């Protein structure tokens, strides 16, 4: 994996060459629509499936591969990474994700794109702190500014074998402004860095 800070803030990094090619060869043999799945908490109504990581599956192999990069991710983040949890997301036609801030329970995360999907990458925005309000609930941070925000910080294309690492905080506003087009899908692995 190759990491690159996007700017001086050191809280958003691009990821290149995320997985070896042979993992993609194995992954593309699977008819994804047939993989057992569950729904994600707070995303039950979205067009997103959380694919089950069955023992011996390519998903488990990818999970192990990601965890083998804990040392390099530790150096990048300047802290010790003990484990990386994963969720494999299959997003189908019509999927989008409105502008939001992850709740404070999300600390450092990585999302790796496992296929190509036009117009369906993640966009991060520069927003003033005054556009973020705190509420006494699980979400805690709410973006209340212009929709979509006026200033784009970085747009990650949904391009195979790339992705990003995000250090979460109250101004880390992001979303998927485009929709997954007819006959297309997004496949990614979302990683909670512990």
Foldseek 3Di string as FASTA:
>chain_A
DDWDDLDPVLFKIKFFQLDDPVLLVQVVVDPVVPFDFDADVVCRPFQKTFGDDDPPHSSVVSLVVVQVCQVVVCVSVVHHFDHKDKTKMKGDFFGWWFKWAAAPVQFKKKKAWAAAFAQFWKWWFQDDPVQWQADPDRRGIGGRDDVVDDGTSDTDGNHHRMIMMGGGDRRRIMIRPGGGHPPGITIMMMIRTD
